[in-house]
Protein backbone atom coordinates (compact mmCIF):
# COMPACT_ATOMS: atom_id res chain seq x y z
CA MET A 1 115.22 99.84 -25.75
CA VAL A 2 111.44 99.67 -25.62
CA SER A 3 109.88 102.63 -27.30
CA SER A 4 106.68 104.21 -26.14
CA LEU A 5 103.40 103.99 -27.96
CA ASP A 6 103.59 107.48 -29.36
CA GLY A 7 102.89 107.78 -33.05
CA ALA A 8 101.00 109.75 -35.57
CA PRO A 9 97.49 110.98 -34.68
CA GLY A 10 95.98 108.49 -37.08
CA ASP A 11 97.68 105.60 -35.30
CA VAL A 12 96.43 106.78 -31.92
CA SER A 13 92.94 107.27 -33.37
CA ALA A 14 92.98 103.73 -34.71
CA ILE A 15 93.84 102.35 -31.29
CA ALA A 16 91.14 104.42 -29.59
CA ARG A 17 88.51 103.53 -32.19
CA ARG A 18 89.27 99.82 -31.86
CA GLN A 19 88.97 100.02 -28.08
CA CYS A 20 85.43 101.31 -28.51
CA HIS A 21 84.42 98.21 -30.47
CA ARG A 22 86.19 95.37 -28.72
CA GLY A 23 85.95 94.09 -25.18
CA ALA A 24 88.57 92.79 -22.79
CA SER A 25 90.89 89.95 -23.67
CA GLY A 26 90.50 86.52 -22.13
CA PRO A 27 88.20 83.49 -22.41
CA ALA A 28 85.10 85.62 -23.02
CA ALA A 29 86.76 87.33 -25.97
CA ILE A 30 87.66 83.94 -27.46
CA LEU A 31 84.03 82.86 -27.28
CA MET A 32 82.96 86.15 -28.88
CA ASN A 33 85.18 85.32 -31.87
CA GLY A 34 84.06 81.74 -32.35
CA ARG A 35 84.66 81.61 -36.08
CA ALA A 36 88.28 82.71 -35.88
CA PHE A 37 88.72 80.33 -32.95
CA SER A 38 87.34 77.34 -34.86
CA ILE A 39 89.53 78.04 -37.92
CA THR A 40 92.55 78.37 -35.65
CA CYS A 41 91.75 75.06 -33.94
CA PHE A 42 91.77 73.28 -37.26
CA ALA A 43 94.97 74.95 -38.50
CA CYS A 44 96.61 73.93 -35.24
CA ILE A 45 96.58 70.30 -36.37
CA GLY A 46 99.91 71.42 -37.82
CA GLY A 47 101.10 72.12 -34.29
CA PHE A 48 99.84 68.71 -33.20
CA LEU A 49 101.93 67.06 -35.92
CA TYR A 50 104.97 69.03 -34.83
CA GLY A 51 104.56 67.94 -31.21
CA TYR A 52 103.66 64.34 -31.96
CA ASN A 53 106.59 63.81 -34.31
CA GLN A 54 108.94 65.41 -31.82
CA GLY A 55 107.63 63.46 -28.85
CA SER A 56 107.35 60.06 -30.52
CA PHE A 57 111.08 59.93 -31.15
CA SER A 58 111.74 60.36 -27.46
CA GLY A 59 110.73 56.78 -26.69
CA ILE A 60 111.29 54.98 -30.00
CA PRO A 61 115.12 54.77 -29.75
CA THR A 62 114.77 53.00 -26.37
CA MET A 63 112.72 50.16 -27.90
CA PRO A 64 114.67 46.90 -28.52
CA SER A 65 112.95 46.20 -31.85
CA PHE A 66 113.98 49.62 -33.16
CA ALA A 67 117.54 49.11 -31.90
CA SER A 68 117.76 45.84 -33.82
CA HIS A 69 117.41 47.79 -37.07
CA MET A 70 119.58 50.77 -36.08
CA GLY A 71 122.61 48.99 -34.57
CA ASP A 72 125.07 51.31 -32.84
CA TRP A 73 123.05 54.36 -33.90
CA VAL A 74 121.14 54.04 -30.61
CA THR A 75 124.17 53.27 -28.41
CA ASP A 76 126.89 55.55 -29.78
CA GLN A 77 126.06 58.98 -28.32
CA THR A 78 127.16 60.97 -31.36
CA LYS A 79 125.17 58.81 -33.78
CA LYS A 80 122.21 58.81 -31.40
CA GLY A 81 122.36 62.59 -31.47
CA TRP A 82 122.20 62.55 -35.27
CA LEU A 83 119.11 60.34 -35.27
CA ALA A 84 117.29 62.97 -33.24
CA SER A 85 118.90 66.16 -34.52
CA ILE A 86 118.59 65.53 -38.27
CA PHE A 87 114.90 66.35 -37.82
CA GLY A 88 115.88 69.82 -36.59
CA LEU A 89 118.31 70.28 -39.47
CA GLY A 90 115.53 69.50 -41.93
CA ALA A 91 113.22 71.89 -40.09
CA TRP A 92 115.80 74.65 -40.45
CA ILE A 93 115.79 74.08 -44.23
CA GLY A 94 111.98 74.17 -44.15
CA CYS A 95 112.04 77.55 -42.43
CA LEU A 96 114.18 78.97 -45.22
CA TYR A 97 111.71 78.10 -48.00
CA SER A 98 108.54 78.66 -45.95
CA GLY A 99 108.37 82.40 -46.57
CA PHE A 100 108.72 81.98 -50.31
CA LEU A 101 105.89 79.44 -50.48
CA ALA A 102 103.69 81.55 -48.20
CA GLU A 103 104.02 84.53 -50.53
CA ILE A 104 103.59 82.86 -53.92
CA LEU A 105 101.00 80.24 -52.96
CA SER A 106 99.32 81.89 -49.94
CA ARG A 107 99.63 80.88 -46.29
CA LYS A 108 96.81 78.38 -46.84
CA TYR A 109 98.31 76.49 -49.79
CA ALA A 110 101.82 76.62 -48.31
CA ILE A 111 100.50 74.57 -45.39
CA LEU A 112 98.87 72.12 -47.83
CA VAL A 113 102.10 71.59 -49.80
CA ASN A 114 104.06 70.90 -46.64
CA VAL A 115 101.48 68.36 -45.45
CA PHE A 116 102.21 66.40 -48.64
CA ILE A 117 105.96 66.59 -47.93
CA PHE A 118 105.29 65.42 -44.37
CA ILE A 119 103.40 62.33 -45.59
CA VAL A 120 106.27 61.46 -47.95
CA GLY A 121 108.69 61.65 -45.04
CA LEU A 122 106.52 59.36 -42.92
CA VAL A 123 106.39 56.73 -45.65
CA VAL A 124 110.17 56.81 -45.99
CA GLN A 125 110.56 56.39 -42.20
CA CYS A 126 108.32 53.34 -42.25
CA THR A 127 110.58 51.67 -44.80
CA ALA A 128 113.38 51.73 -42.19
CA ALA A 129 112.07 48.33 -41.05
CA ILE A 130 113.62 47.06 -44.29
CA GLY A 131 116.10 49.75 -45.32
CA GLY A 132 117.53 50.50 -41.89
CA VAL A 133 119.42 53.66 -40.89
CA PRO A 134 119.50 55.46 -44.29
CA CYS A 135 115.70 55.34 -44.57
CA MET A 136 115.21 56.58 -41.00
CA LEU A 137 117.67 59.46 -41.41
CA SER A 138 116.28 60.58 -44.77
CA GLY A 139 112.67 60.19 -43.62
CA ARG A 140 113.26 62.25 -40.50
CA PHE A 141 115.04 64.92 -42.55
CA ILE A 142 112.08 65.16 -44.97
CA THR A 143 109.47 65.32 -42.19
CA GLY A 144 111.68 67.90 -40.48
CA MET A 145 111.58 70.08 -43.59
CA SER A 146 107.78 70.01 -43.64
CA ILE A 147 107.40 70.63 -39.90
CA GLY A 148 109.89 73.50 -40.04
CA ALA A 149 107.83 75.19 -42.74
CA ILE A 150 104.53 74.41 -40.99
CA SER A 151 105.88 75.84 -37.73
CA VAL A 152 106.26 79.14 -39.62
CA ASN A 153 103.21 79.07 -41.87
CA VAL A 154 100.63 78.11 -39.23
CA PRO A 155 101.45 80.90 -36.70
CA ASN A 156 101.65 83.32 -39.62
CA TYR A 157 98.22 82.23 -40.88
CA ILE A 158 96.67 82.37 -37.42
CA ALA A 159 98.12 85.82 -36.66
CA GLU A 160 96.64 87.18 -39.88
CA VAL A 161 93.10 85.84 -39.38
CA ALA A 162 92.88 86.65 -35.64
CA PRO A 163 91.46 89.89 -34.21
CA PRO A 164 93.98 91.83 -32.08
CA GLU A 165 92.28 91.22 -28.73
CA ILE A 166 92.71 87.45 -28.96
CA ARG A 167 95.59 87.15 -31.40
CA GLY A 168 98.02 86.10 -28.68
CA SER A 169 95.63 83.46 -27.37
CA LEU A 170 94.99 82.00 -30.81
CA VAL A 171 98.67 81.87 -31.74
CA ALA A 172 99.32 80.31 -28.32
CA LEU A 173 96.76 77.67 -29.26
CA GLN A 174 99.37 76.42 -31.73
CA GLN A 175 101.62 75.66 -28.76
CA LEU A 176 98.76 73.94 -26.94
CA ALA A 177 98.28 71.74 -30.01
CA ASN A 178 102.01 71.10 -29.97
CA THR A 179 101.95 69.98 -26.34
CA THR A 180 98.87 67.86 -27.06
CA GLY A 181 100.83 66.08 -29.76
CA ILE A 182 103.76 65.56 -27.38
CA MET A 183 101.46 64.19 -24.68
CA VAL A 184 99.67 61.82 -27.04
CA SER A 185 102.93 60.56 -28.53
CA PHE A 186 104.45 59.83 -25.11
CA TRP A 187 101.46 57.69 -24.11
CA VAL A 188 101.29 55.98 -27.50
CA ASN A 189 104.94 54.98 -27.03
CA TYR A 190 104.15 53.71 -23.54
CA CYS A 191 101.22 51.64 -24.83
CA THR A 192 103.01 50.18 -27.86
CA ASN A 193 106.24 49.39 -25.99
CA ASN A 194 104.98 45.91 -25.02
CA ILE A 195 103.49 44.79 -28.34
CA LYS A 196 104.23 41.04 -28.58
CA GLY A 197 106.47 41.08 -25.56
CA ARG A 198 109.55 42.89 -24.34
CA GLY A 199 113.22 42.74 -25.16
CA ASN A 200 114.22 40.75 -28.25
CA SER A 201 110.69 39.44 -28.71
CA GLN A 202 109.24 42.93 -29.18
CA SER A 203 107.46 43.43 -32.49
CA ASP A 204 108.44 46.10 -35.03
CA ALA A 205 104.90 47.37 -34.59
CA ALA A 206 106.05 48.85 -31.27
CA TRP A 207 107.77 51.69 -33.16
CA LEU A 208 106.00 51.53 -36.54
CA VAL A 209 102.55 52.16 -35.05
CA PRO A 210 103.57 55.50 -33.42
CA ILE A 211 105.04 56.63 -36.74
CA CYS A 212 102.11 55.51 -38.92
CA LEU A 213 99.46 57.06 -36.67
CA GLN A 214 100.67 60.50 -37.78
CA LEU A 215 99.09 59.89 -41.17
CA LEU A 216 95.59 60.42 -39.77
CA PRO A 217 95.97 64.04 -38.58
CA ALA A 218 98.20 64.86 -41.56
CA ILE A 219 95.56 63.78 -44.09
CA SER A 220 92.86 65.58 -42.09
CA LEU A 221 94.85 68.81 -42.15
CA GLY A 222 95.57 68.52 -45.85
CA VAL A 223 91.95 67.95 -46.83
CA GLY A 224 90.57 70.51 -44.38
CA MET A 225 92.86 73.34 -45.47
CA LEU A 226 91.15 73.25 -48.85
CA PHE A 227 88.05 74.64 -47.15
CA MET A 228 89.76 77.23 -44.92
CA PRO A 229 89.71 80.95 -45.87
CA PHE A 230 92.73 82.76 -47.25
CA SER A 231 94.51 85.23 -45.00
CA PRO A 232 92.81 88.63 -45.52
CA ARG A 233 96.20 90.34 -45.34
CA TRP A 234 97.59 88.10 -48.09
CA LEU A 235 94.48 88.75 -50.23
CA ILE A 236 94.82 92.52 -49.89
CA HIS A 237 98.52 92.38 -50.65
CA HIS A 238 97.66 90.52 -53.87
CA ASP A 239 94.91 93.00 -54.86
CA ARG A 240 91.97 90.72 -54.04
CA ASP A 241 90.19 93.40 -51.99
CA ALA A 242 86.59 92.26 -52.41
CA GLU A 243 87.46 88.75 -51.29
CA ALA A 244 89.41 90.16 -48.34
CA ARG A 245 86.36 92.15 -47.20
CA ARG A 246 84.22 89.03 -47.33
CA VAL A 247 86.77 87.03 -45.37
CA LEU A 248 87.08 89.74 -42.70
CA SER A 249 83.31 89.98 -42.47
CA ASN A 250 82.97 86.22 -42.00
CA LEU A 251 85.81 86.01 -39.52
CA ARG A 252 84.47 88.83 -37.33
CA LYS A 253 80.79 87.91 -37.88
CA LEU A 254 80.03 91.51 -38.81
CA ASP A 255 78.51 93.11 -41.90
CA GLN A 256 80.98 94.21 -44.56
CA ASP A 257 79.99 97.85 -44.03
CA HIS A 258 80.51 97.71 -40.25
CA GLU A 259 82.91 100.39 -39.01
CA LEU A 260 85.29 97.87 -37.44
CA ILE A 261 85.52 95.89 -40.71
CA GLU A 262 86.12 99.11 -42.63
CA LEU A 263 88.78 100.23 -40.16
CA GLU A 264 90.61 96.90 -40.18
CA PHE A 265 90.42 96.62 -43.96
CA LEU A 266 91.78 100.13 -44.52
CA GLU A 267 94.56 99.68 -41.96
CA ILE A 268 95.73 96.54 -43.75
CA LYS A 269 95.31 98.22 -47.13
CA ALA A 270 97.34 101.25 -46.04
CA HIS A 271 100.24 99.14 -44.86
CA SER A 272 100.09 96.96 -47.96
CA VAL A 273 100.21 99.96 -50.30
CA PHE A 274 102.96 101.48 -48.18
CA GLU A 275 105.10 98.35 -48.45
CA LYS A 276 104.52 98.06 -52.20
CA ARG A 277 105.52 101.67 -52.79
CA SER A 278 108.54 101.24 -50.58
CA ILE A 279 109.56 98.23 -52.70
CA ALA A 280 108.94 100.24 -55.87
CA GLN A 281 111.27 102.93 -54.57
CA LYS A 282 114.04 100.59 -53.33
CA TRP A 283 113.77 97.72 -55.84
CA PRO A 284 111.64 98.89 -58.81
CA HIS A 285 112.61 95.79 -60.83
CA LEU A 286 110.87 93.54 -58.25
CA VAL A 287 107.47 95.25 -58.12
CA GLU A 288 105.63 92.60 -60.15
CA LEU A 289 104.61 89.71 -57.85
CA THR A 290 105.97 86.85 -59.95
CA ALA A 291 107.47 83.73 -58.36
CA TRP A 292 111.01 84.62 -59.48
CA ASN A 293 110.66 88.21 -58.24
CA THR A 294 109.28 86.90 -54.95
CA PHE A 295 112.31 84.64 -54.56
CA LYS A 296 114.71 87.52 -55.25
CA LEU A 297 112.65 89.80 -53.02
CA GLN A 298 112.92 87.24 -50.21
CA CYS A 299 116.70 87.55 -50.36
CA VAL A 300 116.73 91.35 -50.39
CA ALA A 301 113.88 91.52 -47.87
CA ILE A 302 115.84 89.42 -45.37
CA GLY A 303 118.82 91.66 -45.98
CA SER A 304 116.67 94.75 -45.39
CA LEU A 305 115.78 93.46 -41.92
CA PHE A 306 119.29 94.40 -40.87
CA GLN A 307 119.42 97.89 -42.41
CA THR A 308 117.56 100.07 -39.89
CA LYS A 309 117.74 100.24 -36.12
CA ALA A 310 113.98 99.68 -35.73
CA MET A 311 113.95 96.61 -37.97
CA PHE A 312 117.14 95.24 -36.43
CA HIS A 313 115.39 95.51 -33.05
CA ARG A 314 112.74 93.18 -34.44
CA VAL A 315 115.41 90.79 -35.74
CA ILE A 316 117.14 90.64 -32.36
CA SER A 317 113.83 90.26 -30.49
CA ALA A 318 112.77 87.32 -32.68
CA THR A 319 116.01 85.42 -33.24
CA VAL A 320 117.46 85.75 -29.75
CA THR A 321 114.12 84.96 -28.10
CA MET A 322 113.87 81.76 -30.13
CA PHE A 323 117.50 80.92 -29.38
CA PHE A 324 116.80 81.19 -25.67
CA GLN A 325 113.60 79.15 -26.00
CA GLN A 326 115.71 76.21 -27.11
CA ALA A 327 118.57 77.11 -24.76
CA THR A 328 116.22 76.43 -21.83
CA GLY A 329 116.87 72.78 -22.66
CA ILE A 330 113.27 71.88 -23.43
CA ASN A 331 114.11 69.66 -26.39
CA ALA A 332 116.89 68.00 -24.42
CA VAL A 333 114.06 66.86 -22.14
CA LEU A 334 111.54 66.06 -24.88
CA TYR A 335 113.96 64.10 -27.07
CA TYR A 336 115.85 62.34 -24.31
CA ALA A 337 113.41 62.17 -21.40
CA PRO A 338 113.57 58.35 -21.07
CA SER A 339 117.39 58.47 -21.08
CA ILE A 340 117.39 61.30 -18.53
CA PHE A 341 115.01 59.44 -16.24
CA THR A 342 117.12 56.31 -16.53
CA ALA A 343 120.18 58.39 -15.56
CA LEU A 344 118.20 59.60 -12.52
CA GLY A 345 117.69 56.05 -11.30
CA MET A 346 114.54 54.83 -13.04
CA SER A 347 114.90 51.06 -12.99
CA SER A 348 113.32 50.03 -16.30
CA ASN A 349 112.41 51.29 -19.76
CA THR A 350 108.71 50.98 -18.90
CA THR A 351 109.12 53.14 -15.78
CA SER A 352 111.09 55.79 -17.66
CA LEU A 353 108.45 55.86 -20.42
CA LEU A 354 105.77 56.26 -17.75
CA ALA A 355 107.63 59.19 -16.21
CA THR A 356 107.99 60.64 -19.71
CA GLY A 357 104.22 60.31 -20.20
CA VAL A 358 103.69 62.48 -17.12
CA VAL A 359 105.93 65.13 -18.76
CA GLY A 360 103.51 65.25 -21.69
CA VAL A 361 100.43 65.59 -19.48
CA LEU A 362 101.95 68.38 -17.39
CA LEU A 363 103.20 70.26 -20.46
CA PHE A 364 99.73 70.11 -21.98
CA LEU A 365 97.94 71.27 -18.82
CA ALA A 366 100.41 74.09 -18.21
CA THR A 367 99.86 75.49 -21.71
CA ILE A 368 96.10 75.96 -21.23
CA PRO A 369 96.37 79.09 -18.99
CA ALA A 370 98.60 80.73 -21.60
CA VAL A 371 95.96 80.23 -24.29
CA LEU A 372 93.28 81.77 -22.08
CA TYR A 373 95.16 84.65 -20.49
CA ILE A 374 98.20 85.57 -22.58
CA ASP A 375 96.42 88.65 -23.95
CA LYS A 376 95.45 89.71 -20.43
CA PHE A 377 98.82 89.34 -18.68
CA GLY A 378 101.06 90.05 -21.65
CA ARG A 379 104.18 88.33 -22.94
CA LYS A 380 107.05 89.87 -20.96
CA PRO A 381 106.03 89.20 -17.36
CA VAL A 382 105.01 85.62 -18.13
CA MET A 383 108.29 84.85 -19.89
CA ILE A 384 110.38 86.40 -17.11
CA VAL A 385 108.59 84.41 -14.40
CA GLY A 386 108.90 81.26 -16.51
CA ALA A 387 112.64 81.78 -16.99
CA VAL A 388 113.20 82.18 -13.25
CA GLY A 389 111.16 79.05 -12.55
CA MET A 390 112.92 76.92 -15.16
CA GLY A 391 116.38 78.13 -14.19
CA THR A 392 115.71 77.33 -10.54
CA CYS A 393 114.58 73.81 -11.46
CA HIS A 394 117.75 73.24 -13.48
CA VAL A 395 119.90 74.25 -10.52
CA ALA A 396 117.93 72.00 -8.15
CA ILE A 397 118.29 69.02 -10.51
CA ALA A 398 122.03 69.65 -10.81
CA VAL A 399 122.45 69.71 -7.00
CA ILE A 400 120.47 66.47 -6.53
CA PHE A 401 122.33 64.81 -9.42
CA ALA A 402 125.76 65.86 -8.11
CA LYS A 403 125.09 64.45 -4.64
CA ASN A 404 123.50 61.17 -5.71
CA GLN A 405 124.74 60.19 -9.19
CA TYR A 406 126.66 57.17 -7.85
CA GLN A 407 124.09 56.03 -5.30
CA TRP A 408 120.65 56.12 -6.93
CA ASP A 409 119.94 52.53 -5.84
CA THR A 410 120.13 53.50 -2.17
CA HIS A 411 118.70 57.02 -2.57
CA GLN A 412 115.58 56.44 -4.63
CA VAL A 413 113.79 59.36 -2.96
CA ALA A 414 116.47 61.69 -4.32
CA GLY A 415 115.88 60.24 -7.79
CA TRP A 416 112.18 60.90 -7.60
CA ALA A 417 112.87 64.41 -6.29
CA ALA A 418 114.95 65.10 -9.40
CA VAL A 419 112.16 63.67 -11.57
CA ALA A 420 109.67 65.96 -9.80
CA MET A 421 111.89 68.97 -10.57
CA ILE A 422 111.87 68.00 -14.27
CA TRP A 423 108.09 67.82 -14.10
CA LEU A 424 107.99 71.27 -12.48
CA TYR A 425 110.40 72.56 -15.12
CA VAL A 426 108.09 71.55 -17.99
CA VAL A 427 105.17 73.26 -16.20
CA HIS A 428 107.11 76.53 -16.16
CA PHE A 429 107.97 76.11 -19.83
CA GLY A 430 104.39 75.20 -20.76
CA TYR A 431 102.78 78.44 -19.59
CA SER A 432 105.62 80.77 -20.59
CA TRP A 433 108.32 80.29 -23.19
CA GLY A 434 106.49 77.53 -25.06
CA PRO A 435 103.59 79.66 -26.33
CA CYS A 436 104.89 83.19 -25.76
CA ALA A 437 107.98 82.89 -27.95
CA TRP A 438 105.91 81.77 -30.95
CA VAL A 439 103.34 84.50 -30.32
CA LEU A 440 106.09 87.11 -30.25
CA ILE A 441 107.74 86.18 -33.54
CA ALA A 442 104.36 85.91 -35.29
CA GLU A 443 103.19 89.41 -34.45
CA ILE A 444 106.11 91.86 -34.57
CA TRP A 445 106.74 92.12 -38.32
CA PRO A 446 105.35 94.56 -40.93
CA LEU A 447 103.23 93.07 -43.68
CA SER A 448 105.77 92.71 -46.49
CA ASN A 449 108.40 91.26 -44.16
CA ARG A 450 106.13 89.10 -41.99
CA ALA A 451 106.60 85.77 -43.72
CA TYR A 452 110.35 86.31 -43.95
CA GLY A 453 110.64 87.64 -40.42
CA ILE A 454 108.79 84.70 -38.90
CA ALA A 455 110.95 82.36 -40.96
CA LEU A 456 114.08 84.08 -39.67
CA GLY A 457 112.95 83.72 -36.05
CA ALA A 458 111.87 80.12 -36.50
CA SER A 459 115.13 79.26 -38.26
CA SER A 460 116.98 80.46 -35.16
CA ASN A 461 114.80 78.14 -33.09
CA TRP A 462 115.36 75.13 -35.33
CA MET A 463 119.11 75.60 -35.69
CA CYS A 464 119.40 75.77 -31.91
CA ASN A 465 117.09 72.73 -31.74
CA PHE A 466 119.49 70.88 -34.04
CA ILE A 467 122.51 71.79 -31.92
CA VAL A 468 120.85 70.95 -28.58
CA SER A 469 119.58 67.62 -29.91
CA GLN A 470 123.02 66.76 -31.25
CA VAL A 471 125.07 67.57 -28.14
CA THR A 472 122.70 66.55 -25.32
CA PRO A 473 123.58 62.81 -25.31
CA ILE A 474 127.27 63.71 -25.25
CA MET A 475 126.73 66.31 -22.50
CA LEU A 476 124.78 63.85 -20.34
CA GLU A 477 127.59 61.32 -20.72
CA LYS A 478 130.53 63.70 -20.20
CA LEU A 479 129.18 66.54 -18.02
CA THR A 480 126.41 64.64 -16.16
CA TYR A 481 124.93 67.19 -13.72
CA GLY A 482 126.89 69.99 -15.43
CA THR A 483 124.39 69.69 -18.28
CA PHE A 484 121.67 71.14 -16.05
CA ILE A 485 123.93 73.92 -14.77
CA PHE A 486 124.65 74.86 -18.39
CA PHE A 487 120.97 75.01 -19.38
CA GLY A 488 120.07 76.79 -16.13
CA ALA A 489 122.56 79.59 -16.77
CA LEU A 490 121.24 80.06 -20.31
CA THR A 491 117.66 80.11 -19.03
CA PHE A 492 118.39 82.89 -16.54
CA GLY A 493 120.10 84.75 -19.38
CA GLY A 494 116.97 84.43 -21.48
CA GLY A 495 114.85 86.00 -18.75
CA LEU A 496 117.27 88.91 -18.48
CA PHE A 497 117.14 89.42 -22.25
CA ILE A 498 113.34 89.60 -22.24
CA LEU A 499 113.42 92.06 -19.33
CA LEU A 500 115.87 94.45 -20.97
CA PHE A 501 115.35 94.22 -24.72
CA VAL A 502 111.90 92.93 -25.74
CA PRO A 503 108.84 95.24 -25.79
CA GLU A 504 105.35 94.26 -24.65
CA THR A 505 103.05 93.63 -27.63
CA LYS A 506 99.71 92.56 -26.17
CA ARG A 507 96.45 93.87 -27.64
CA LEU A 508 98.11 95.74 -30.52
CA THR A 509 97.21 95.25 -34.16
CA LEU A 510 99.89 93.84 -36.40
CA GLU A 511 100.10 97.24 -38.09
CA GLN A 512 100.53 99.07 -34.75
CA MET A 513 103.70 97.12 -33.99
CA ASP A 514 105.55 99.81 -35.95
CA LEU A 515 104.90 102.18 -33.07
CA ILE A 516 106.53 100.22 -30.28
CA PHE A 517 109.52 99.21 -32.41
CA GLY A 518 110.20 102.78 -33.42
CA SER A 519 109.56 102.43 -37.15
CA VAL A 520 107.26 105.46 -37.23
CA GLY A 521 109.32 108.54 -37.94
CA VAL A 522 112.47 106.64 -38.81
CA ALA A 523 112.45 108.37 -42.16
CA GLU A 524 110.48 111.52 -42.92
CA ALA A 525 109.77 110.25 -46.41
CA ASP A 526 108.17 107.10 -44.99
CA ALA A 527 105.95 109.16 -42.70
CA ARG A 528 104.86 111.38 -45.59
CA ARG A 529 104.17 108.34 -47.77
CA MET A 530 101.98 106.69 -45.14
CA ALA A 531 100.06 109.95 -44.57
CA GLU A 532 99.45 110.29 -48.29
CA ILE A 533 98.26 106.69 -48.56
CA SER A 534 95.94 107.03 -45.55
CA LYS A 535 94.33 110.09 -47.15
CA GLU A 536 94.24 108.47 -50.57
CA ILE A 537 92.40 105.30 -49.51
CA GLY A 538 90.06 107.05 -47.05
CA LEU A 539 91.57 105.91 -43.76
CA ASP A 540 91.68 109.50 -42.50
CA ASP A 541 87.92 109.78 -43.12
CA VAL A 542 87.32 106.84 -40.75
CA PHE A 543 89.40 108.54 -38.04
CA THR A 544 87.53 111.85 -38.33
CA SER A 545 84.00 110.45 -38.77
C-alpha cells in the first residue's frame, strides 16, 4: 500500500533541486537551521505543559491530603478512572475545535488562545481545595480542552516553519518537551509529597504546588508567542505573500531572492492556489475565507478526507497510528505508575513515587536520540523496532506478575525485575512511538486539509487516551497480569500495521507527500490544474533555470 516516489517531472525536479541546496539530516543540520530550531524550542513549551499536566496527576491521587478532599473518588476504581480520564475527554473536544481556530486566527494565535484556556482550567483546579470533586473534574476538563488543541496546533506550527531536512527532528522536539514535562512533574510530586509531614498531617500544598507551578511555563508561552513569526504556509494561504517571503528568509537565514527561498515559496504557493481552486470547484459558496465559511469548510473538509483512496490512506495512517500509540499502554503507565508499582510490591507511597520518577528520567533520555536522528533513520523502522521492544516488555511483566502476584513480600527481586521491565518499556516508547507518531500525523496532509487532518489524528489519540485512562484501574483490579498481555498484543499489532500500511516520509517536503500517498494522478483534472498553476506562478521557470 506504499506508493513509489514517481510523480510529475516538476515534482522530481523539486526534489533534486532541494538536494543540491541542503545537506544531510541529523544534529549538524539542526545547528545549520538555528533560527527554526530556536523558534521550535520555544513553541515546545506547549509540549512541556502537556507532559507536566499529564505526569503530575500520576502522583497526586496517591497523596493523603488530596484524598481527604476527593473521598471515594481515589478509592473507587471507576471514579478514580474518571478523575484521570476526564482530561482526555476534554482534550478530544479541544482537538475538534483546534483546526477551526488554526485557520481563522493562525497557528500562532490559536496557541495563544488555548494558553488562556489552560490558565483558566488551572485556577479552577486549585479551587478544589475548597470546592472538592466538582472543581477538580471541571478544571481538568478545561485544561484538557486546551492541551488537546495545543497538541494539534504546536506540531502543525512546527511542521510549517521547519525545513524538510530537519522537520522530523523539530516535530519530535515536541515529544522531548512532553517527556521533559513528565519527568519534571514526577520529581515535583516526589519532592512535595512530604510537605508538613506524611499521612493525615500532609499539607494541601503537597498537591496544590504541582498544579500551580504550571502557571509559570503557561504565562511564558502566552507572552512569547506574541513575538513568534506566523507560519509561512498560513500567510501564503491568506494572500500575505510578501510577509511569507520575509518569514521564510528569516527562518532559513537566506536572502529573499535566494533560489531555495524562491523554490520553497513557489511550491507552497502552487499548492495553496491548487487547494483554493479545488474548493472553488467543489464548494464555490465557501471560497471566501470568513469565520463562518471556515467552520462549514471544516465540516466538509473532514468529510472529503474519506472520499478518495489516496486521502483515505492518509486518514488510516494517522488515526490508526495514533490509536496504536495509546494502545501500547503508555498512559496506563504515566497516569497510574505509582499504583502499578505498588501492585508490583513497592512497600510505600514514597518508594513508588521514586520509581515513577525514574520512569520520567528514562522517558526523557530515550527521546533525545529520536530528536537527533529521526530524519536519518526514518519513521517506519524506528516504530517497528519500538513496537517489538514494548510488546516483549509487556509479555515479560505479565509472566513475572502471574508467577509472583501473591508472594511479592518474599520475592522482592521478582518485583524489581518487573519494575525494570517497565523502565525498559518506557525507553522503547521514548525513542519510537512517542515522537514518531506525532511527526507522522503532522507531515502527511495537503495544505488545505492539514489543520483538520492533524486534528483528526490527534482526536483518535485523545479518545483512546480517554478510554485507556478510564479502564486501566478496573483492568488492574480485575485482570491483574492480563492487563499487560492485553497491551502487549495491541503493541505487536501496531508494529505490524506500520510495517504493512504506513509509508516512509523522511526528508520529503510537505507538498511532496502527495507523491507517496498516490494523490498525484488521482484525477486528470487535478493534474492539469496543478500544471497550469505551476506555469502560471513561475514554478516551471525555477525547474528549468
